Amino acid sequence: MMDICRNSLTHNYDIHISVDEWKDILCLSEIQNDNNMLSALEKWYLAPNYIASCKSLGKQYGLDFRFFSVQNMRLGKIAVNHIKRFRLIGENGKETYWPVAWIELAKENGAYIMQLRPELVEAIRSLNLFETDVDAVINKHLQNPDMKHETFDFSYEKHEKPTLSVRNLKDFSRSVEAAQNALRHAEWKCEFNASHETFPRRIDGFPYLETHHLIPLKYANKFNVSIDVPENIVCLCSTCHNRIHYGQNNKEMIKFLWSLRKKDLHIAGIDIDLSELLRFYLI
């Protein structure tokens, strides 16, 4: 194993972890099952240009700044131990892990400004780790003129969960049908607040709404049946859909929507308590 010291000119460590290696690392169970590590990484990933300081993120999210440095160090240690290719040696002669995921850019007012390594960013994006790509693609497919303004009652059918990983989902036909039925069930109203105004769709004049899997599809393997069913799809106005993903107070929404659907989910063979659902949203 090679020892690598800090470059005195760039103040960084000259290492390279490929996108594929990062993808393997991020899929390790010790990371996938660690909500603290994922939460810290997600908040850094959502920072503009993936640049922030522990201090700025702590202030933004109401957390101790050390939360971010500790989780980053843990991620770095897992990566080094998994790759088994190099060790990073700090100026004190001891092994260090902070530079594995970060690149140091500057120091301002005593705080180090860091950026996620581009290969790590690409791996996160490729895995859709924090993205809503599945819902986004489905909503794009929903913008077609063959929708009918009719109602739909839940059928509570149990479907086998797909064998294809949701991160590599290629066929959205079944998802679109489930989403269409969810829209009809919601009667074209925002299910968080039916009084929320939206705008008419250009193609047919129906109210514009977006569908959202209440239990995110990336957790499909935790259930014995498919969660890509209308009972697990809620319909939201654009503001609410963005709020549930990016809003600071999305816990209120998730709690309300869970209470709205928990009985339907149970009948459909999908059981989840509120605490587990909140963990899925890294809350």
C-alpha atoms as a PDB file:
ATOM      1  CA  MET A   1       0.000   0.000   0.000  1.00  0.00           C
ATOM      2  CA  MET A   2       1.439   3.363  -1.056  1.00  0.00           C
ATOM      3  CA  ASP A   3       1.838   6.234   1.402  1.00  0.00           C
ATOM      4  CA  ILE A   4       0.795   9.617  -0.079  1.00  0.00           C
ATOM      5  CA  CYS A   5       1.625  12.928   1.560  1.00  0.00           C
ATOM      6  CA  ARG A   6       0.019  16.313   1.029  1.00  0.00           C
ATOM      7  CA  ASN A   7       1.171  18.255  -2.024  1.00  0.00           C
ATOM      8  CA  SER A   8       2.819  21.421  -0.673  1.00  0.00           C
ATOM      9  CA  LEU A   9       1.791  23.431  -3.753  1.00  0.00           C
ATOM     10  CA  THR A  10      -1.857  22.443  -4.093  1.00  0.00           C
ATOM     11  CA  HIS A  11      -2.473  21.682  -0.388  1.00  0.00           C
ATOM     12  CA  ASN A  12      -4.232  18.517  -1.560  1.00  0.00           C
ATOM     13  CA  TYR A  13      -3.443  14.853  -1.927  1.00  0.00           C
ATOM     14  CA  ASP A  14      -2.706  13.493  -5.388  1.00  0.00           C
ATOM     15  CA  ILE A  15      -5.010  10.502  -5.396  1.00  0.00           C
ATOM     16  CA  HIS A  16      -7.415   9.074  -7.907  1.00  0.00           C
ATOM     17  CA  ILE A  17     -10.480   7.010  -7.172  1.00  0.00           C
ATOM     18  CA  SER A  18     -12.411   6.271 -10.348  1.00  0.00           C
ATOM     19  CA  VAL A  19     -16.139   6.819 -10.788  1.00  0.00           C
ATOM     20  CA  ASP A  20     -16.714   3.056 -10.869  1.00  0.00           C
ATOM     21  CA  GLU A  21     -14.723   2.607  -7.668  1.00  0.00           C
ATOM     22  CA  TRP A  22     -16.767   5.321  -5.974  1.00  0.00           C
ATOM     23  CA  LYS A  23     -19.958   3.630  -7.155  1.00  0.00           C
ATOM     24  CA  ASP A  24     -18.811   0.359  -5.573  1.00  0.00           C
ATOM     25  CA  ILE A  25     -17.952   2.197  -2.356  1.00  0.00           C
ATOM     26  CA  LEU A  26     -21.274   4.046  -2.179  1.00  0.00           C
ATOM     27  CA  CYS A  27     -23.161   0.767  -2.636  1.00  0.00           C
ATOM     28  CA  LEU A  28     -21.472  -0.848   0.375  1.00  0.00           C
ATOM     29  CA  SER A  29     -24.031  -1.783   3.036  1.00  0.00           C
ATOM     30  CA  GLU A  30     -22.115   0.086   5.728  1.00  0.00           C
ATOM     31  CA  ILE A  31     -22.757   3.305   3.788  1.00  0.00           C
ATOM     32  CA  GLN A  32     -26.221   2.494   2.461  1.00  0.00           C
ATOM     33  CA  ASN A  33     -27.434   1.739   5.998  1.00  0.00           C
ATOM     34  CA  ASP A  34     -25.797   4.767   7.622  1.00  0.00           C
ATOM     35  CA  ASN A  35     -28.245   7.677   7.593  1.00  0.00           C
ATOM     36  CA  ASN A  36     -25.799  10.105   9.190  1.00  0.00           C
ATOM     37  CA  MET A  37     -23.158   9.541   6.535  1.00  0.00           C
ATOM     38  CA  LEU A  38     -25.694   9.744   3.701  1.00  0.00           C
ATOM     39  CA  SER A  39     -27.307  12.844   5.167  1.00  0.00           C
ATOM     40  CA  ALA A  40     -24.000  14.702   5.396  1.00  0.00           C
ATOM     41  CA  LEU A  41     -22.988  13.648   1.884  1.00  0.00           C
ATOM     42  CA  GLU A  42     -26.367  14.670   0.449  1.00  0.00           C
ATOM     43  CA  LYS A  43     -26.177  18.150   1.969  1.00  0.00           C
ATOM     44  CA  TRP A  44     -22.697  18.639   0.536  1.00  0.00           C
ATOM     45  CA  TYR A  45     -23.875  17.326  -2.833  1.00  0.00           C
ATOM     46  CA  LEU A  46     -26.738  19.864  -2.843  1.00  0.00           C
ATOM     47  CA  ALA A  47     -24.372  22.786  -2.156  1.00  0.00           C
ATOM     48  CA  PRO A  48     -23.748  25.086  -5.164  1.00  0.00           C
ATOM     49  CA  ASN A  49     -21.022  23.510  -7.328  1.00  0.00           C
ATOM     50  CA  TYR A  50     -20.590  20.958  -4.493  1.00  0.00           C
ATOM     51  CA  ILE A  51     -18.589  23.586  -2.580  1.00  0.00           C
ATOM     52  CA  ALA A  52     -19.105  24.436   1.084  1.00  0.00           C
ATOM     53  CA  SER A  53     -17.483  24.428   4.493  1.00  0.00           C
ATOM     54  CA  CYS A  54     -18.497  22.399   7.508  1.00  0.00           C
ATOM     55  CA  LYS A  55     -19.265  25.682   9.217  1.00  0.00           C
ATOM     56  CA  SER A  56     -21.566  26.982   6.466  1.00  0.00           C
ATOM     57  CA  LEU A  57     -23.478  23.706   6.196  1.00  0.00           C
ATOM     58  CA  GLY A  58     -23.825  23.483   9.963  1.00  0.00           C
ATOM     59  CA  LYS A  59     -25.329  26.963  10.021  1.00  0.00           C
ATOM     60  CA  GLN A  60     -27.627  26.224   7.074  1.00  0.00           C
ATOM     61  CA  TYR A  61     -29.050  23.006   8.508  1.00  0.00           C
ATOM     62  CA  GLY A  62     -28.854  23.785  12.220  1.00  0.00           C
ATOM     63  CA  LEU A  63     -26.215  21.146  12.928  1.00  0.00           C
ATOM     64  CA  ASP A  64     -22.876  21.108  14.705  1.00  0.00           C
ATOM     65  CA  PHE A  65     -20.191  21.755  12.064  1.00  0.00           C
ATOM     66  CA  ARG A  66     -18.275  18.738  13.351  1.00  0.00           C
ATOM     67  CA  PHE A  67     -21.074  16.495  12.107  1.00  0.00           C
ATOM     68  CA  PHE A  68     -19.916  17.028   8.526  1.00  0.00           C
ATOM     69  CA  SER A  69     -16.211  16.578   9.188  1.00  0.00           C
ATOM     70  CA  VAL A  70     -16.792  13.393  11.195  1.00  0.00           C
ATOM     71  CA  GLN A  71     -19.039  11.830   8.541  1.00  0.00           C
ATOM     72  CA  ASN A  72     -16.578  12.759   5.799  1.00  0.00           C
ATOM     73  CA  MET A  73     -13.717  11.166   7.708  1.00  0.00           C
ATOM     74  CA  ARG A  74     -15.786   8.006   8.141  1.00  0.00           C
ATOM     75  CA  LEU A  75     -16.569   7.919   4.422  1.00  0.00           C
ATOM     76  CA  GLY A  76     -12.886   8.397   3.592  1.00  0.00           C
ATOM     77  CA  LYS A  77     -11.808   5.596   5.905  1.00  0.00           C
ATOM     78  CA  ILE A  78     -14.316   3.190   4.351  1.00  0.00           C
ATOM     79  CA  ALA A  79     -13.093   4.134   0.866  1.00  0.00           C
ATOM     80  CA  VAL A  80      -9.400   3.625   1.727  1.00  0.00           C
ATOM     81  CA  ASN A  81     -10.063   0.292   3.419  1.00  0.00           C
ATOM     82  CA  HIS A  82     -12.146  -0.890   0.488  1.00  0.00           C
ATOM     83  CA  ILE A  83      -9.662   0.073  -2.224  1.00  0.00           C
ATOM     84  CA  LYS A  84      -6.530  -0.976  -0.305  1.00  0.00           C
ATOM     85  CA  ARG A  85      -4.313   0.985  -2.685  1.00  0.00           C
ATOM     86  CA  PHE A  86      -2.921   3.893  -0.659  1.00  0.00           C
ATOM     87  CA  ARG A  87      -2.752   5.599   2.707  1.00  0.00           C
ATOM     88  CA  LEU A  88      -2.899   9.359   3.177  1.00  0.00           C
ATOM     89  CA  ILE A  89      -0.367  10.673   5.672  1.00  0.00           C
ATOM     90  CA  GLY A  90      -1.089  13.935   7.445  1.00  0.00           C
ATOM     91  CA  GLU A  91       1.447  16.551   8.495  1.00  0.00           C
ATOM     92  CA  ASN A  92       1.571  14.950  11.943  1.00  0.00           C
ATOM     93  CA  GLY A  93       2.747  11.690  10.373  1.00  0.00           C
ATOM     94  CA  LYS A  94      -0.509   9.910  11.116  1.00  0.00           C
ATOM     95  CA  GLU A  95      -3.003   8.501   8.627  1.00  0.00           C
ATOM     96  CA  THR A  96      -5.782  10.898   7.646  1.00  0.00           C
ATOM     97  CA  TYR A  97      -9.037  10.470   5.728  1.00  0.00           C
ATOM     98  CA  TRP A  98     -10.553  13.918   5.147  1.00  0.00           C
ATOM     99  CA  PRO A  99      -8.963  14.423   1.680  1.00  0.00           C
ATOM    100  CA  VAL A 100     -10.431  11.233   0.217  1.00  0.00           C
ATOM    101  CA  ALA A 101     -13.790  12.816  -0.689  1.00  0.00           C
ATOM    102  CA  TRP A 102     -12.842  16.502  -0.539  1.00  0.00           C
ATOM    103  CA  ILE A 103     -10.583  18.899  -2.396  1.00  0.00           C
ATOM    104  CA  GLU A 104      -9.425  21.907  -0.378  1.00  0.00           C
ATOM    105  CA  LEU A 105     -10.035  25.183  -2.203  1.00  0.00           C
ATOM    106  CA  ALA A 106      -9.398  27.951   0.315  1.00  0.00           C
ATOM    107  CA  LYS A 107      -9.526  29.020   3.922  1.00  0.00           C
ATOM    108  CA  GLU A 108     -11.851  31.881   4.855  1.00  0.00           C
ATOM    109  CA  ASN A 109     -12.407  33.230   8.356  1.00  0.00           C
ATOM    110  CA  GLY A 110     -10.909  30.094   9.859  1.00  0.00           C
ATOM    111  CA  ALA A 111     -13.123  27.741   7.840  1.00  0.00           C
ATOM    112  CA  TYR A 112     -11.830  25.452   5.126  1.00  0.00           C
ATOM    113  CA  ILE A 113     -13.765  25.674   1.853  1.00  0.00           C
ATOM    114  CA  MET A 114     -14.015  22.212   0.320  1.00  0.00           C
ATOM    115  CA  GLN A 115     -15.399  20.699  -2.866  1.00  0.00           C
ATOM    116  CA  LEU A 116     -16.506  17.122  -3.413  1.00  0.00           C
ATOM    117  CA  ARG A 117     -14.158  15.295  -5.741  1.00  0.00           C
ATOM    118  CA  PRO A 118     -15.623  15.231  -9.288  1.00  0.00           C
ATOM    119  CA  GLU A 119     -15.415  11.433  -9.531  1.00  0.00           C
ATOM    120  CA  LEU A 120     -17.484  11.145  -6.338  1.00  0.00           C
ATOM    121  CA  VAL A 121     -20.035  13.632  -7.700  1.00  0.00           C
ATOM    122  CA  GLU A 122     -20.318  11.660 -10.931  1.00  0.00           C
ATOM    123  CA  ALA A 123     -20.777   8.411  -9.009  1.00  0.00           C
ATOM    124  CA  ILE A 124     -23.558   9.955  -6.900  1.00  0.00           C
ATOM    125  CA  ARG A 125     -25.242  11.234 -10.044  1.00  0.00           C
ATOM    126  CA  SER A 126     -24.836   7.925 -11.869  1.00  0.00           C
ATOM    127  CA  LEU A 127     -26.418   6.006  -8.988  1.00  0.00           C
ATOM    128  CA  ASN A 128     -29.225   8.555  -8.615  1.00  0.00           C
ATOM    129  CA  LEU A 129     -28.288   8.431  -4.935  1.00  0.00           C
ATOM    130  CA  PHE A 130     -29.938  11.735  -4.066  1.00  0.00           C
ATOM    131  CA  GLU A 131     -31.779  12.474  -7.289  1.00  0.00           C
ATOM    132  CA  THR A 132     -35.448  12.185  -8.161  1.00  0.00           C
ATOM    133  CA  ASP A 133     -34.729  10.978 -11.695  1.00  0.00           C
ATOM    134  CA  VAL A 134     -37.253   8.129 -11.556  1.00  0.00           C
ATOM    135  CA  ASP A 135     -40.117  10.455 -10.644  1.00  0.00           C
ATOM    136  CA  ALA A 136     -38.825  13.070 -13.074  1.00  0.00           C
ATOM    137  CA  VAL A 137     -38.842  10.648 -15.996  1.00  0.00           C
ATOM    138  CA  ILE A 138     -42.289   9.381 -15.063  1.00  0.00           C
ATOM    139  CA  ASN A 139     -43.666  12.913 -14.834  1.00  0.00           C
ATOM    140  CA  LYS A 140     -42.221  13.684 -18.245  1.00  0.00           C
ATOM    141  CA  HIS A 141     -44.022  10.665 -19.685  1.00  0.00           C
ATOM    142  CA  LEU A 142     -47.260  11.818 -18.070  1.00  0.00           C
ATOM    143  CA  GLN A 143     -47.266  14.947 -20.218  1.00  0.00           C
ATOM    144  CA  ASN A 144     -49.144  13.322 -23.064  1.00  0.00           C
ATOM    145  CA  PRO A 145     -52.592  14.038 -24.459  1.00  0.00           C
ATOM    146  CA  ASP A 146     -54.179  10.625 -23.858  1.00  0.00           C
ATOM    147  CA  MET A 147     -54.942  11.145 -20.170  1.00  0.00           C
ATOM    148  CA  LYS A 148     -58.618  10.951 -19.254  1.00  0.00           C
ATOM    149  CA  HIS A 149     -60.174  13.058 -16.541  1.00  0.00           C
ATOM    150  CA  GLU A 150     -61.683  10.130 -14.665  1.00  0.00           C
ATOM    151  CA  THR A 151     -61.471   8.728 -11.159  1.00  0.00           C
ATOM    152  CA  PHE A 152     -59.607   5.623 -10.001  1.00  0.00           C
ATOM    153  CA  ASP A 153     -60.126   3.505  -6.901  1.00  0.00           C
ATOM    154  CA  PHE A 154     -57.190   1.663  -5.399  1.00  0.00           C
ATOM    155  CA  SER A 155     -57.287  -2.026  -6.309  1.00  0.00           C
ATOM    156  CA  TYR A 156     -54.690  -3.082  -3.703  1.00  0.00           C
ATOM    157  CA  GLU A 157     -53.119  -5.540  -6.135  1.00  0.00           C
ATOM    158  CA  LYS A 158     -49.846  -7.037  -5.007  1.00  0.00           C
ATOM    159  CA  HIS A 159     -47.142  -7.155  -7.652  1.00  0.00           C
ATOM    160  CA  GLU A 160     -43.822  -8.933  -7.507  1.00  0.00           C
ATOM    161  CA  LYS A 161     -41.002  -6.469  -7.091  1.00  0.00           C
ATOM    162  CA  PRO A 162     -38.955  -6.067 -10.265  1.00  0.00           C
ATOM    163  CA  THR A 163     -35.682  -7.942 -10.486  1.00  0.00           C
ATOM    164  CA  LEU A 164     -34.055  -5.004 -12.293  1.00  0.00           C
ATOM    165  CA  SER A 165     -32.320  -2.600  -9.914  1.00  0.00           C
ATOM    166  CA  VAL A 166     -34.177   0.679  -9.664  1.00  0.00           C
ATOM    167  CA  ARG A 167     -30.875   2.479 -10.171  1.00  0.00           C
ATOM    168  CA  ASN A 168     -30.719   0.996 -13.657  1.00  0.00           C
ATOM    169  CA  LEU A 169     -34.430   1.131 -14.410  1.00  0.00           C
ATOM    170  CA  LYS A 170     -34.974   1.130 -18.161  1.00  0.00           C
ATOM    171  CA  ASP A 171     -38.673   0.334 -18.604  1.00  0.00           C
ATOM    172  CA  PHE A 172     -41.067   2.928 -17.207  1.00  0.00           C
ATOM    173  CA  SER A 173     -44.266   1.599 -18.817  1.00  0.00           C
ATOM    174  CA  ARG A 174     -45.616   0.047 -15.632  1.00  0.00           C
ATOM    175  CA  SER A 175     -44.621   3.074 -13.574  1.00  0.00           C
ATOM    176  CA  VAL A 176     -46.429   5.438 -15.936  1.00  0.00           C
ATOM    177  CA  GLU A 177     -49.623   3.420 -15.679  1.00  0.00           C
ATOM    178  CA  ALA A 178     -49.423   3.420 -11.876  1.00  0.00           C
ATOM    179  CA  ALA A 179     -48.753   7.165 -11.869  1.00  0.00           C
ATOM    180  CA  GLN A 180     -51.697   7.819 -14.196  1.00  0.00           C
ATOM    181  CA  ASN A 181     -53.981   5.908 -11.860  1.00  0.00           C
ATOM    182  CA  ALA A 182     -52.613   7.818  -8.888  1.00  0.00           C
ATOM    183  CA  LEU A 183     -53.463  11.111 -10.618  1.00  0.00           C
ATOM    184  CA  ARG A 184     -56.985   9.900 -11.248  1.00  0.00           C
ATOM    185  CA  HIS A 185     -57.302   8.767  -7.636  1.00  0.00           C
ATOM    186  CA  ALA A 186     -56.213  12.224  -6.455  1.00  0.00           C
ATOM    187  CA  GLU A 187     -58.826  13.774  -8.763  1.00  0.00           C
ATOM    188  CA  TRP A 188     -56.198  16.193 -10.059  1.00  0.00           C
ATOM    189  CA  LYS A 189     -55.696  17.901  -6.685  1.00  0.00           C
ATOM    190  CA  CYS A 190     -52.581  18.304  -4.545  1.00  0.00           C
ATOM    191  CA  GLU A 191     -52.806  15.604  -1.880  1.00  0.00           C
ATOM    192  CA  PHE A 192     -50.903  17.600   0.694  1.00  0.00           C
ATOM    193  CA  ASN A 193     -53.304  20.513   0.386  1.00  0.00           C
ATOM    194  CA  ALA A 194     -56.187  20.338  -2.090  1.00  0.00           C
ATOM    195  CA  SER A 195     -56.559  24.121  -1.998  1.00  0.00           C
ATOM    196  CA  HIS A 196     -53.120  24.659  -3.540  1.00  0.00           C
ATOM    197  CA  GLU A 197     -53.513  26.305  -6.905  1.00  0.00           C
ATOM    198  CA  THR A 198     -51.646  25.045  -9.918  1.00  0.00           C
ATOM    199  CA  PHE A 199     -51.856  25.857 -13.633  1.00  0.00           C
ATOM    200  CA  PRO A 200     -53.623  24.139 -16.536  1.00  0.00           C
ATOM    201  CA  ARG A 201     -51.578  21.729 -18.614  1.00  0.00           C
ATOM    202  CA  ARG A 202     -50.932  23.053 -22.105  1.00  0.00           C
ATOM    203  CA  ILE A 203     -51.852  19.775 -23.781  1.00  0.00           C
ATOM    204  CA  ASP A 204     -55.326  19.295 -22.320  1.00  0.00           C
ATOM    205  CA  GLY A 205     -56.100  21.974 -19.724  1.00  0.00           C
ATOM    206  CA  PHE A 206     -56.086  19.523 -16.802  1.00  0.00           C
ATOM    207  CA  PRO A 207     -54.478  20.833 -13.571  1.00  0.00           C
ATOM    208  CA  TYR A 208     -50.720  20.277 -13.640  1.00  0.00           C
ATOM    209  CA  LEU A 209     -49.599  17.911 -10.874  1.00  0.00           C
ATOM    210  CA  GLU A 210     -46.517  15.782 -10.297  1.00  0.00           C
ATOM    211  CA  THR A 211     -46.373  12.252  -8.953  1.00  0.00           C
ATOM    212  CA  HIS A 212     -44.066  11.249  -6.121  1.00  0.00           C
ATOM    213  CA  HIS A 213     -43.285   7.816  -4.689  1.00  0.00           C
ATOM    214  CA  LEU A 214     -43.881   8.256  -0.966  1.00  0.00           C
ATOM    215  CA  ILE A 215     -41.540   5.351  -0.252  1.00  0.00           C
ATOM    216  CA  PRO A 216     -38.658   6.126  -2.632  1.00  0.00           C
ATOM    217  CA  LEU A 217     -38.111   3.452  -5.265  1.00  0.00           C
ATOM    218  CA  LYS A 218     -34.448   3.070  -4.353  1.00  0.00           C
ATOM    219  CA  TYR A 219     -35.635   1.257  -1.200  1.00  0.00           C
ATOM    220  CA  ALA A 220     -37.686  -1.279  -3.186  1.00  0.00           C
ATOM    221  CA  ASN A 221     -35.442  -4.156  -2.118  1.00  0.00           C
ATOM    222  CA  LYS A 222     -36.531  -3.681   1.507  1.00  0.00           C
ATOM    223  CA  PHE A 223     -40.062  -4.887   0.704  1.00  0.00           C
ATOM    224  CA  ASN A 224     -41.476  -8.246  -0.346  1.00  0.00           C
ATOM    225  CA  VAL A 225     -43.772  -6.771  -3.006  1.00  0.00           C
ATOM    226  CA  SER A 226     -43.441  -3.991  -5.556  1.00  0.00           C
ATOM    227  CA  ILE A 227     -43.766  -0.476  -4.166  1.00  0.00           C
ATOM    228  CA  ASP A 228     -44.245   0.913  -7.669  1.00  0.00           C
ATOM    229  CA  VAL A 229     -48.025   0.891  -7.196  1.00  0.00           C
ATOM    230  CA  PRO A 230     -50.670   3.669  -7.036  1.00  0.00           C
ATOM    231  CA  GLU A 231     -51.049   3.226  -3.279  1.00  0.00           C
ATOM    232  CA  ASN A 232     -47.433   4.394  -2.882  1.00  0.00           C
ATOM    233  CA  ILE A 233     -47.707   7.314  -5.310  1.00  0.00           C
ATOM    234  CA  VAL A 234     -48.948  10.679  -4.097  1.00  0.00           C
ATOM    235  CA  CYS A 235     -49.811  13.618  -6.347  1.00  0.00           C
ATOM    236  CA  LEU A 236     -48.453  17.039  -5.491  1.00  0.00           C
ATOM    237  CA  CYS A 237     -48.349  20.515  -6.935  1.00  0.00           C
ATOM    238  CA  SER A 238     -44.894  21.515  -8.177  1.00  0.00           C
ATOM    239  CA  THR A 239     -44.148  23.562  -5.045  1.00  0.00           C
ATOM    240  CA  CYS A 240     -45.015  20.686  -2.716  1.00  0.00           C
ATOM    241  CA  HIS A 241     -43.059  18.190  -4.818  1.00  0.00           C
ATOM    242  CA  ASN A 242     -39.948  20.337  -4.526  1.00  0.00           C
ATOM    243  CA  ARG A 243     -40.604  20.989  -0.859  1.00  0.00           C
ATOM    244  CA  ILE A 244     -40.754  17.288   0.036  1.00  0.00           C
ATOM    245  CA  HIS A 245     -37.318  16.816  -1.563  1.00  0.00           C
ATOM    246  CA  TYR A 246     -35.530  20.048  -0.716  1.00  0.00           C
ATOM    247  CA  GLY A 247     -37.540  21.953   1.903  1.00  0.00           C
ATOM    248  CA  GLN A 248     -36.217  22.451   5.407  1.00  0.00           C
ATOM    249  CA  ASN A 249     -39.590  21.528   6.935  1.00  0.00           C
ATOM    250  CA  ASN A 250     -40.473  18.503   4.838  1.00  0.00           C
ATOM    251  CA  LYS A 251     -41.007  16.316   7.913  1.00  0.00           C
ATOM    252  CA  GLU A 252     -44.499  17.779   8.327  1.00  0.00           C
ATOM    253  CA  MET A 253     -45.393  16.806   4.760  1.00  0.00           C
ATOM    254  CA  ILE A 254     -44.031  13.279   5.032  1.00  0.00           C
ATOM    255  CA  LYS A 255     -45.861  12.701   8.314  1.00  0.00           C
ATOM    256  CA  PHE A 256     -49.147  13.931   6.828  1.00  0.00           C
ATOM    257  CA  LEU A 257     -48.832  11.892   3.624  1.00  0.00           C
ATOM    258  CA  TRP A 258     -47.845   8.775   5.576  1.00  0.00           C
ATOM    259  CA  SER A 259     -50.951   9.114   7.764  1.00  0.00           C
ATOM    260  CA  LEU A 260     -52.992   9.585   4.591  1.00  0.00           C
ATOM    261  CA  ARG A 261     -51.662   6.413   2.966  1.00  0.00           C
ATOM    262  CA  LYS A 262     -50.567   4.043   5.736  1.00  0.00           C
ATOM    263  CA  LYS A 263     -53.838   2.073   5.669  1.00  0.00           C
ATOM    264  CA  ASP A 264     -53.797   1.789   1.863  1.00  0.00           C
ATOM    265  CA  LEU A 265     -50.151   0.721   1.915  1.00  0.00           C
ATOM    266  CA  HIS A 266     -50.912  -1.942   4.512  1.00  0.00           C
ATOM    267  CA  ILE A 267     -53.767  -3.393   2.459  1.00  0.00           C
ATOM    268  CA  ALA A 268     -51.429  -3.432  -0.562  1.00  0.00           C
ATOM    269  CA  GLY A 269     -48.953  -5.512   1.465  1.00  0.00           C
ATOM    270  CA  ILE A 270     -46.556  -2.628   2.151  1.00  0.00           C
ATOM    271  CA  ASP A 271     -45.954  -1.986   5.838  1.00  0.00           C
ATOM    272  CA  ILE A 272     -43.770   0.868   7.014  1.00  0.00           C
ATOM    273  CA  ASP A 273     -43.789   2.930  10.176  1.00  0.00           C
ATOM    274  CA  LEU A 274     -43.195   6.656  10.243  1.00  0.00           C
ATOM    275  CA  SER A 275     -39.735   6.467  11.804  1.00  0.00           C
ATOM    276  CA  GLU A 276     -38.477   4.167   9.029  1.00  0.00           C
ATOM    277  CA  LEU A 277     -39.995   6.384   6.318  1.00  0.00           C
ATOM    278  CA  LEU A 278     -38.304   9.459   7.804  1.00  0.00           C
ATOM    279  CA  ARG A 279     -34.979   7.590   7.763  1.00  0.00           C
ATOM    280  CA  PHE A 280     -35.474   6.983   4.052  1.00  0.00           C
ATOM    281  CA  TYR A 281     -35.627  10.771   3.654  1.00  0.00           C
ATOM    282  CA  LEU A 282     -32.518  11.089   5.850  1.00  0.00           C
ATOM    283  CA  ILE A 283     -34.479  12.834   8.601  1.00  0.00           C
END
